[in-house]
Protein backbone atom coordinates (compact mmCIF):
# COMPACT_ATOMS: atom_id res chain seq x y z
CA MET A 1 -8.49 2.00 0.87
CA ILE A 2 -6.73 -1.16 0.06
CA LYS A 3 -7.68 -4.79 0.70
CA VAL A 4 -5.13 -6.98 2.56
CA THR A 5 -5.08 -10.42 3.91
CA ARG A 6 -4.09 -11.25 7.40
CA LEU A 7 -1.72 -14.32 7.91
CA ASN A 8 -4.95 -16.42 9.16
CA GLY A 9 -6.53 -15.69 5.60
CA SER A 10 -9.09 -13.13 6.87
CA GLN A 11 -9.34 -9.94 4.53
CA LEU A 12 -9.36 -6.51 5.96
CA VAL A 13 -9.39 -2.94 4.13
CA ILE A 14 -6.98 -0.29 5.25
CA ASN A 15 -7.14 3.45 4.85
CA SER A 16 -3.86 3.62 2.60
CA ASP A 17 -3.50 7.40 3.87
CA LEU A 18 -2.74 5.98 7.46
CA ILE A 19 0.08 3.51 6.25
CA GLU A 20 3.48 5.06 7.79
CA PHE A 21 5.67 2.36 6.40
CA VAL A 22 5.90 -1.09 5.42
CA GLU A 23 8.59 -3.70 6.35
CA ALA A 24 9.21 -7.47 5.85
CA ILE A 25 11.00 -8.95 8.64
CA PRO A 26 10.35 -11.75 7.16
CA ASP A 27 6.44 -11.35 7.26
CA THR A 28 4.98 -8.05 5.94
CA ILE A 29 4.08 -5.71 8.51
CA ILE A 30 2.28 -2.74 7.73
CA SER A 31 2.66 0.18 10.30
CA LEU A 32 -0.12 3.01 10.57
CA THR A 33 0.00 6.37 11.71
CA THR A 34 -2.18 5.51 14.67
CA GLY A 35 0.46 3.18 16.06
CA LYS A 36 -1.20 -0.04 15.00
CA LYS A 37 0.59 -2.72 13.28
CA ILE A 38 -0.88 -5.22 11.02
CA MET A 39 0.87 -8.55 9.66
CA VAL A 40 -0.25 -9.40 6.20
CA LYS A 41 0.46 -12.12 3.55
CA GLU A 42 0.97 -9.49 0.56
CA SER A 43 4.55 -8.55 -0.09
CA ILE A 44 5.83 -4.93 0.13
CA ASP A 45 5.51 -4.73 -3.66
CA GLU A 46 2.04 -5.66 -3.54
CA ILE A 47 1.12 -3.25 -1.04
CA ILE A 48 2.88 -0.55 -2.94
CA GLU A 49 1.03 -1.44 -6.15
CA ARG A 50 -2.34 -1.44 -4.52
CA VAL A 51 -1.88 1.84 -2.76
CA ALA A 52 -0.73 3.25 -6.30
CA GLN A 53 -3.60 1.50 -7.92
CA PHE A 54 -5.96 3.07 -5.40
CA LYS A 55 -4.73 6.66 -5.60
CA ARG A 56 -4.78 6.53 -9.47
CA LEU A 57 -8.61 5.38 -9.30
CA SER A 58 -9.11 8.21 -6.78
CA GLY A 59 -7.56 10.53 -9.20
CA ILE A 60 -4.65 11.46 -6.81
CA ARG A 61 -1.49 12.18 -8.60
CA ILE A 62 1.64 10.40 -7.14
CA ASN A 63 5.00 12.15 -7.59
CA ASN A 64 7.33 9.32 -8.52
CA PRO A 65 10.76 10.32 -9.74
CA ASP A 66 11.33 7.02 -11.69
CA THR A 67 8.21 7.94 -13.86
CA ALA A 68 8.59 11.83 -14.12
CA HIS A 69 9.47 11.51 -17.70
CA ILE A 70 6.24 9.59 -18.68
CA SER A 71 3.42 12.05 -19.50
CA GLU A 72 -0.04 11.55 -18.30
CA GLY A 73 -2.08 9.45 -20.79
CA SER A 74 0.98 7.37 -21.93
């Protein structure tokens, strides 16, 4: 679960497993696998970091080719 901010300033929590894709046109829109779209203040990079952080805290390993050379615990 990640916390995001709607354009009106209200916060909500999204199940990150339901995120299908994120786009910026120019506002950031999160599209969920349910078909729902949510416009938020956070940038695409912030969304990516929040999902990665949540998955790290949850103990879920993320396969990222950019960090494949880094061993766990580094």
